PDB file of N, CA and C in Angstrom:
ATOM      1  N   MET A   1      75.626 132.974 148.885  1.00  0.00           N
ATOM      2  CA  MET A   1      75.049 131.873 148.134  1.00  0.00           C
ATOM      3  C   MET A   1      73.577 131.729 148.528  1.00  0.00           C
ATOM      4  N   PRO A   2      72.699 131.509 147.577  1.00  0.00           N
ATOM      5  CA  PRO A   2      71.263 131.369 147.891  1.00  0.00           C
ATOM      6  C   PRO A   2      71.012 130.183 148.806  1.00  0.00           C
ATOM      7  N   ASP A   3      70.029 130.331 149.655  1.00  0.00           N
ATOM      8  CA  ASP A   3      69.660 129.292 150.601  1.00  0.00           C
ATOM      9  C   ASP A   3      68.317 128.716 150.197  1.00  0.00           C
ATOM     10  N   PRO A   4      68.290 127.473 149.671  1.00  0.00           N
ATOM     11  CA  PRO A   4      67.021 126.911 149.211  1.00  0.00           C
ATOM     12  C   PRO A   4      66.061 126.561 150.334  1.00  0.00           C
ATOM     13  N   GLN A   5      66.549 126.452 151.544  1.00  0.00           N
ATOM     14  CA  GLN A   5      65.707 126.115 152.678  1.00  0.00           C
ATOM     15  C   GLN A   5      65.691 127.268 153.664  1.00  0.00           C
ATOM     16  N   PRO A   6      64.572 127.473 154.343  1.00  0.00           N
ATOM     17  CA  PRO A   6      64.557 128.504 155.360  1.00  0.00           C
ATOM     18  C   PRO A   6      65.528 128.183 156.477  1.00  0.00           C
ATOM     19  N   ALA A   7      66.130 129.196 156.993  1.00  0.00           N
ATOM     20  CA  ALA A   7      67.047 129.015 158.114  1.00  0.00           C
ATOM     21  C   ALA A   7      66.271 129.016 159.410  1.00  0.00           C
ATOM     22  N   VAL A   8      66.712 128.199 160.327  1.00  0.00           N
ATOM     23  CA  VAL A   8      66.069 128.133 161.630  1.00  0.00           C
ATOM     24  C   VAL A   8      67.066 128.630 162.657  1.00  0.00           C
ATOM     25  N   GLY A   9      66.665 129.627 163.436  1.00  0.00           N
ATOM     26  CA  GLY A   9      67.553 130.185 164.449  1.00  0.00           C
ATOM     27  C   GLY A   9      67.798 129.201 165.576  1.00  0.00           C
ATOM     28  N   SER A  10      69.008 129.213 166.114  1.00  0.00           N
ATOM     29  CA  SER A  10      69.322 128.305 167.201  1.00  0.00           C
ATOM     30  C   SER A  10      69.026 128.920 168.564  1.00  0.00           C
ATOM     31  N   ASN A  11      68.863 130.242 168.619  1.00  0.00           N
ATOM     32  CA  ASN A  11      68.579 130.893 169.894  1.00  0.00           C
ATOM     33  C   ASN A  11      67.070 130.946 170.086  1.00  0.00           C
ATOM     34  N   LEU A  12      66.527 129.939 170.737  1.00  0.00           N
ATOM     35  CA  LEU A  12      65.080 129.825 170.877  1.00  0.00           C
ATOM     36  C   LEU A  12      64.480 130.940 171.718  1.00  0.00           C
ATOM     37  N   ALA A  13      65.271 131.571 172.560  1.00  0.00           N
ATOM     38  CA  ALA A  13      64.752 132.658 173.381  1.00  0.00           C
ATOM     39  C   ALA A  13      64.344 133.849 172.519  1.00  0.00           C
ATOM     40  N   ARG A  14      64.951 133.994 171.357  1.00  0.00           N
ATOM     41  CA  ARG A  14      64.611 135.101 170.475  1.00  0.00           C
ATOM     42  C   ARG A  14      63.484 134.742 169.514  1.00  0.00           C
ATOM     43  N   GLN A  15      62.949 133.554 169.585  1.00  0.00           N
ATOM     44  CA  GLN A  15      61.878 133.114 168.706  1.00  0.00           C
ATOM     45  C   GLN A  15      60.566 133.138 169.474  1.00  0.00           C
ATOM     46  N   PRO A  16      59.802 134.228 169.412  1.00  0.00           N
ATOM     47  CA  PRO A  16      58.614 134.347 170.248  1.00  0.00           C
ATOM     48  C   PRO A  16      57.451 133.455 169.846  1.00  0.00           C
ATOM     49  N   MET A  17      57.454 132.909 168.653  1.00  0.00           N
ATOM     50  CA  MET A  17      56.304 132.147 168.183  1.00  0.00           C
ATOM     51  C   MET A  17      56.599 130.655 168.115  1.00  0.00           C
ATOM     52  N   LEU A  18      57.205 130.120 169.121  1.00  0.00           N
ATOM     53  CA  LEU A  18      57.517 128.697 169.149  1.00  0.00           C
ATOM     54  C   LEU A  18      56.249 127.862 169.225  1.00  0.00           C
ATOM     55  N   THR A  19      56.293 126.707 168.610  1.00  0.00           N
ATOM     56  CA  THR A  19      55.217 125.740 168.748  1.00  0.00           C
ATOM     57  C   THR A  19      55.745 124.655 169.665  1.00  0.00           C
ATOM     58  N   ARG A  20      55.240 124.590 170.846  1.00  0.00           N
ATOM     59  CA  ARG A  20      55.704 123.624 171.840  1.00  0.00           C
ATOM     60  C   ARG A  20      55.132 122.240 171.556  1.00  0.00           C
ATOM     61  N   ILE A  21      55.828 121.258 172.050  1.00  0.00           N
ATOM     62  CA  ILE A  21      55.383 119.877 171.885  1.00  0.00           C
ATOM     63  C   ILE A  21      53.990 119.731 172.491  1.00  0.00           C
ATOM     64  N   GLY A  22      53.093 119.133 171.723  1.00  0.00           N
ATOM     65  CA  GLY A  22      51.750 118.895 172.212  1.00  0.00           C
ATOM     66  C   GLY A  22      50.757 119.991 171.866  1.00  0.00           C
ATOM     67  N   GLN A  23      51.229 121.149 171.415  1.00  0.00           N
ATOM     68  CA  GLN A  23      50.305 122.211 171.027  1.00  0.00           C
ATOM     69  C   GLN A  23      49.709 121.883 169.664  1.00  0.00           C
ATOM     70  N   LYS A  24      48.477 122.317 169.464  1.00  0.00           N
ATOM     71  CA  LYS A  24      47.839 122.180 168.160  1.00  0.00           C
ATOM     72  C   LYS A  24      48.406 123.246 167.233  1.00  0.00           C
ATOM     73  N   MET A  25      48.695 122.872 166.016  1.00  0.00           N
ATOM     74  CA  MET A  25      49.213 123.815 165.034  1.00  0.00           C
ATOM     75  C   MET A  25      48.184 123.966 163.918  1.00  0.00           C
ATOM     76  N   ALA A  26      47.778 125.178 163.661  1.00  0.00           N
ATOM     77  CA  ALA A  26      46.805 125.433 162.603  1.00  0.00           C
ATOM     78  C   ALA A  26      47.395 125.051 161.253  1.00  0.00           C
ATOM     79  N   GLY A  27      46.650 124.300 160.477  1.00  0.00           N
ATOM     80  CA  GLY A  27      47.074 123.954 159.126  1.00  0.00           C
ATOM     81  C   GLY A  27      48.120 122.853 159.059  1.00  0.00           C
ATOM     82  N   VAL A  28      48.426 122.200 160.150  1.00  0.00           N
ATOM     83  CA  VAL A  28      49.414 121.120 160.152  1.00  0.00           C
ATOM     84  C   VAL A  28      48.677 119.805 160.359  1.00  0.00           C
ATOM     85  N   PRO A  29      48.911 118.839 159.466  1.00  0.00           N
ATOM     86  CA  PRO A  29      48.230 117.550 159.610  1.00  0.00           C
ATOM     87  C   PRO A  29      48.516 116.905 160.969  1.00  0.00           C
ATOM     88  N   ALA A  30      47.528 116.201 161.499  1.00  0.00           N
ATOM     89  CA  ALA A  30      47.657 115.561 162.810  1.00  0.00           C
ATOM     90  C   ALA A  30      48.837 114.600 162.837  1.00  0.00           C
ATOM     91  N   GLU A  31      49.075 113.885 161.752  1.00  0.00           N
ATOM     92  CA  GLU A  31      50.190 112.929 161.702  1.00  0.00           C
ATOM     93  C   GLU A  31      51.527 113.656 161.890  1.00  0.00           C
ATOM     94  N   GLU A  32      51.666 114.813 161.252  1.00  0.00           N
ATOM     95  CA  GLU A  32      52.896 115.593 161.390  1.00  0.00           C
ATOM     96  C   GLU A  32      53.072 116.078 162.830  1.00  0.00           C
ATOM     97  N   THR A  33      51.980 116.548 163.424  1.00  0.00           N
ATOM     98  CA  THR A  33      52.017 117.014 164.812  1.00  0.00           C
ATOM     99  C   THR A  33      52.412 115.875 165.744  1.00  0.00           C
ATOM    100  N   GLU A  34      51.870 114.689 165.510  1.00  0.00           N
ATOM    101  CA  GLU A  34      52.196 113.531 166.340  1.00  0.00           C
ATOM    102  C   GLU A  34      53.658 113.143 166.200  1.00  0.00           C
ATOM    103  N   LEU A  35      54.182 113.161 164.979  1.00  0.00           N
ATOM    104  CA  LEU A  35      55.592 112.827 164.763  1.00  0.00           C
ATOM    105  C   LEU A  35      56.503 113.839 165.440  1.00  0.00           C
ATOM    106  N   MET A  36      56.136 115.110 165.354  1.00  0.00           N
ATOM    107  CA  MET A  36      56.929 116.142 166.008  1.00  0.00           C
ATOM    108  C   MET A  36      56.948 115.923 167.520  1.00  0.00           C
ATOM    109  N   ALA A  37      55.804 115.612 168.092  1.00  0.00           N
ATOM    110  CA  ALA A  37      55.722 115.370 169.532  1.00  0.00           C
ATOM    111  C   ALA A  37      56.535 114.139 169.917  1.00  0.00           C
ATOM    112  N   ARG A  38      56.459 113.111 169.112  1.00  0.00           N
ATOM    113  CA  ARG A  38      57.169 111.860 169.396  1.00  0.00           C
ATOM    114  C   ARG A  38      58.679 112.069 169.449  1.00  0.00           C
ATOM    115  N   TYR A  39      59.199 112.880 168.523  1.00  0.00           N
ATOM    116  CA  TYR A  39      60.643 113.046 168.427  1.00  0.00           C
ATOM    117  C   TYR A  39      61.153 114.351 169.056  1.00  0.00           C
ATOM    118  N   GLY A  40      60.268 115.098 169.688  1.00  0.00           N
ATOM    119  CA  GLY A  40      60.696 116.325 170.354  1.00  0.00           C
ATOM    120  C   GLY A  40      61.085 117.427 169.385  1.00  0.00           C
ATOM    121  N   ILE A  41      60.437 117.476 168.248  1.00  0.00           N
ATOM    122  CA  ILE A  41      60.724 118.486 167.231  1.00  0.00           C
ATOM    123  C   ILE A  41      59.784 119.666 167.428  1.00  0.00           C
ATOM    124  N   ILE A  42      60.322 120.873 167.323  1.00  0.00           N
ATOM    125  CA  ILE A  42      59.475 122.060 167.397  1.00  0.00           C
ATOM    126  C   ILE A  42      59.590 122.827 166.083  1.00  0.00           C
ATOM    127  N   LYS A  43      58.566 123.578 165.801  1.00  0.00           N
ATOM    128  CA  LYS A  43      58.513 124.368 164.576  1.00  0.00           C
ATOM    129  C   LYS A  43      58.650 125.837 164.968  1.00  0.00           C
ATOM    130  N   VAL A  44      59.569 126.541 164.303  1.00  0.00           N
ATOM    131  CA  VAL A  44      59.787 127.956 164.590  1.00  0.00           C
ATOM    132  C   VAL A  44      59.732 128.747 163.289  1.00  0.00           C
ATOM    133  N   PRO A  45      59.304 129.997 163.385  1.00  0.00           N
ATOM    134  CA  PRO A  45      59.313 130.823 162.185  1.00  0.00           C
ATOM    135  C   PRO A  45      60.749 131.116 161.775  1.00  0.00           C
ATOM    136  N   ALA A  46      60.976 131.262 160.501  1.00  0.00           N
ATOM    137  CA  ALA A  46      62.321 131.550 159.996  1.00  0.00           C
ATOM    138  C   ALA A  46      62.247 132.755 159.072  1.00  0.00           C
ATOM    139  N   TYR A  47      63.103 133.703 159.311  1.00  0.00           N
ATOM    140  CA  TYR A  47      63.156 134.876 158.457  1.00  0.00           C
ATOM    141  C   TYR A  47      64.076 134.605 157.287  1.00  0.00           C
ATOM    142  N   ARG A  48      63.679 135.108 156.108  1.00  0.00           N
ATOM    143  CA  ARG A  48      64.500 135.007 154.913  1.00  0.00           C
ATOM    144  C   ARG A  48      64.596 136.385 154.300  1.00  0.00           C
ATOM    145  N   TYR A  49      65.700 136.636 153.683  1.00  0.00           N
ATOM    146  CA  TYR A  49      65.932 137.913 153.018  1.00  0.00           C
ATOM    147  C   TYR A  49      65.870 137.673 151.516  1.00  0.00           C
ATOM    148  N   HIS A  50      65.049 138.462 150.843  1.00  0.00           N
ATOM    149  CA  HIS A  50      64.865 138.307 149.403  1.00  0.00           C
ATOM    150  C   HIS A  50      65.592 139.420 148.668  1.00  0.00           C
ATOM    151  N   TYR A  51      66.385 139.029 147.698  1.00  0.00           N
ATOM    152  CA  TYR A  51      67.049 139.985 146.814  1.00  0.00           C
ATOM    153  C   TYR A  51      66.914 139.427 145.418  1.00  0.00           C
ATOM    154  N   ARG A  52      66.238 140.182 144.573  1.00  0.00           N
ATOM    155  CA  ARG A  52      65.912 139.725 143.218  1.00  0.00           C
ATOM    156  C   ARG A  52      65.171 138.398 143.306  1.00  0.00           C
ATOM    157  N   ASP A  53      65.645 137.386 142.594  1.00  0.00           N
ATOM    158  CA  ASP A  53      64.962 136.086 142.596  1.00  0.00           C
ATOM    159  C   ASP A  53      65.513 135.120 143.638  1.00  0.00           C
ATOM    160  N   TRP A  54      66.384 135.601 144.502  1.00  0.00           N
ATOM    161  CA  TRP A  54      67.061 134.721 145.444  1.00  0.00           C
ATOM    162  C   TRP A  54      66.583 134.946 146.865  1.00  0.00           C
ATOM    163  N   ARG A  55      66.713 133.904 147.678  1.00  0.00           N
ATOM    164  CA  ARG A  55      66.390 133.988 149.098  1.00  0.00           C
ATOM    165  C   ARG A  55      67.653 133.646 149.883  1.00  0.00           C
ATOM    166  N   TYR A  56      67.879 134.392 150.939  1.00  0.00           N
ATOM    167  CA  TYR A  56      69.062 134.196 151.764  1.00  0.00           C
ATOM    168  C   TYR A  56      68.650 134.011 153.216  1.00  0.00           C
ATOM    169  N   SER A  57      69.435 133.247 153.945  1.00  0.00           N
ATOM    170  CA  SER A  57      69.121 133.013 155.354  1.00  0.00           C
ATOM    171  C   SER A  57      69.698 134.094 156.254  1.00  0.00           C
ATOM    172  N   THR A  58      70.655 134.870 155.734  1.00  0.00           N
ATOM    173  CA  THR A  58      71.219 135.959 156.532  1.00  0.00           C
ATOM    174  C   THR A  58      71.236 137.246 155.720  1.00  0.00           C
ATOM    175  N   LEU A  59      71.120 138.360 156.421  1.00  0.00           N
ATOM    176  CA  LEU A  59      71.195 139.660 155.773  1.00  0.00           C
ATOM    177  C   LEU A  59      72.567 139.853 155.141  1.00  0.00           C
ATOM    178  N   ASN A  60      73.619 139.392 155.802  1.00  0.00           N
ATOM    179  CA  ASN A  60      74.970 139.552 155.258  1.00  0.00           C
ATOM    180  C   ASN A  60      75.122 138.880 153.908  1.00  0.00           C
ATOM    181  N   ASP A  61      74.530 137.709 153.721  1.00  0.00           N
ATOM    182  CA  ASP A  61      74.605 137.024 152.428  1.00  0.00           C
ATOM    183  C   ASP A  61      73.871 137.804 151.345  1.00  0.00           C
ATOM    184  N   ALA A  62      72.694 138.328 151.678  1.00  0.00           N
ATOM    185  CA  ALA A  62      71.925 139.120 150.705  1.00  0.00           C
ATOM    186  C   ALA A  62      72.684 140.391 150.338  1.00  0.00           C
ATOM    187  N   LEU A  63      73.259 141.061 151.331  1.00  0.00           N
ATOM    188  CA  LEU A  63      74.031 142.270 151.071  1.00  0.00           C
ATOM    189  C   LEU A  63      75.270 141.986 150.224  1.00  0.00           C
ATOM    190  N   ALA A  64      75.922 140.884 150.496  1.00  0.00           N
ATOM    191  CA  ALA A  64      77.115 140.524 149.726  1.00  0.00           C
ATOM    192  C   ALA A  64      76.767 140.358 148.248  1.00  0.00           C
ATOM    193  N   GLN A  65      75.669 139.693 147.946  1.00  0.00           N
ATOM    194  CA  GLN A  65      75.271 139.516 146.545  1.00  0.00           C
ATOM    195  C   GLN A  65      74.872 140.838 145.917  1.00  0.00           C
ATOM    196  N   ALA A  66      74.127 141.654 146.641  1.00  0.00           N
ATOM    197  CA  ALA A  66      73.722 142.962 146.117  1.00  0.00           C
ATOM    198  C   ALA A  66      74.946 143.819 145.819  1.00  0.00           C
ATOM    199  N   ARG A  67      75.939 143.760 146.687  1.00  0.00           N
ATOM    200  CA  ARG A  67      77.170 144.533 146.460  1.00  0.00           C
ATOM    201  C   ARG A  67      77.961 143.995 145.279  1.00  0.00           C
ATOM    202  N   ARG A  68      77.989 142.673 145.105  1.00  0.00           N
ATOM    203  CA  ARG A  68      78.657 142.097 143.927  1.00  0.00           C
ATOM    204  C   ARG A  68      77.964 142.555 142.654  1.00  0.00           C
ATOM    205  N   ASP A  69      76.633 142.548 142.664  1.00  0.00           N
ATOM    206  CA  ASP A  69      75.878 143.017 141.490  1.00  0.00           C
ATOM    207  C   ASP A  69      76.169 144.489 141.210  1.00  0.00           C
ATOM    208  N   GLU A  70      76.194 145.291 142.261  1.00  0.00           N
ATOM    209  CA  GLU A  70      76.471 146.717 142.115  1.00  0.00           C
ATOM    210  C   GLU A  70      77.860 146.951 141.524  1.00  0.00           C
ATOM    211  N   ALA A  71      78.842 146.203 142.015  1.00  0.00           N
ATOM    212  CA  ALA A  71      80.214 146.329 141.508  1.00  0.00           C
ATOM    213  C   ALA A  71      80.310 145.912 140.049  1.00  0.00           C
ATOM    214  N   ALA A  72      79.600 144.855 139.671  1.00  0.00           N
ATOM    215  CA  ALA A  72      79.622 144.385 138.286  1.00  0.00           C
ATOM    216  C   ALA A  72      78.992 145.415 137.341  1.00  0.00           C
ATOM    217  N   ARG A  73      77.939 146.113 137.815  1.00  0.00           N
ATOM    218  CA  ARG A  73      77.283 147.120 136.976  1.00  0.00           C
ATOM    219  C   ARG A  73      78.170 148.343 136.760  1.00  0.00           C
ATOM    220  N   SER A  74      79.018 148.624 137.740  1.00  0.00           N
ATOM    221  CA  SER A  74      79.826 149.856 137.657  1.00  0.00           C
ATOM    222  C   SER A  74      81.104 149.650 136.842  1.00  0.00           C
ATOM    223  N   LYS A  75      81.399 148.458 136.420  1.00  0.00           N
ATOM    224  CA  LYS A  75      82.626 148.182 135.614  1.00  0.00           C
ATOM    225  C   LYS A  75      82.403 148.519 134.169  1.00  0.00           C
TER     226      LYS A  75
END
């Protein structure tokens, strides 16, 4: 199923580009940075897999749709 929002990984050790509380973030309004610091929110990059017009949060979901499409074409 398509994922309208980017997925955020829960294993922070595998996310090398973490934005720590209190760090300046390029292109992020100061108010947003302050709110993140206040509530202990961090921003991490999220990978998405694109297949046709859809975005998926996992490779398995993208592959499942591609395989369904392939099966439908071969019928």
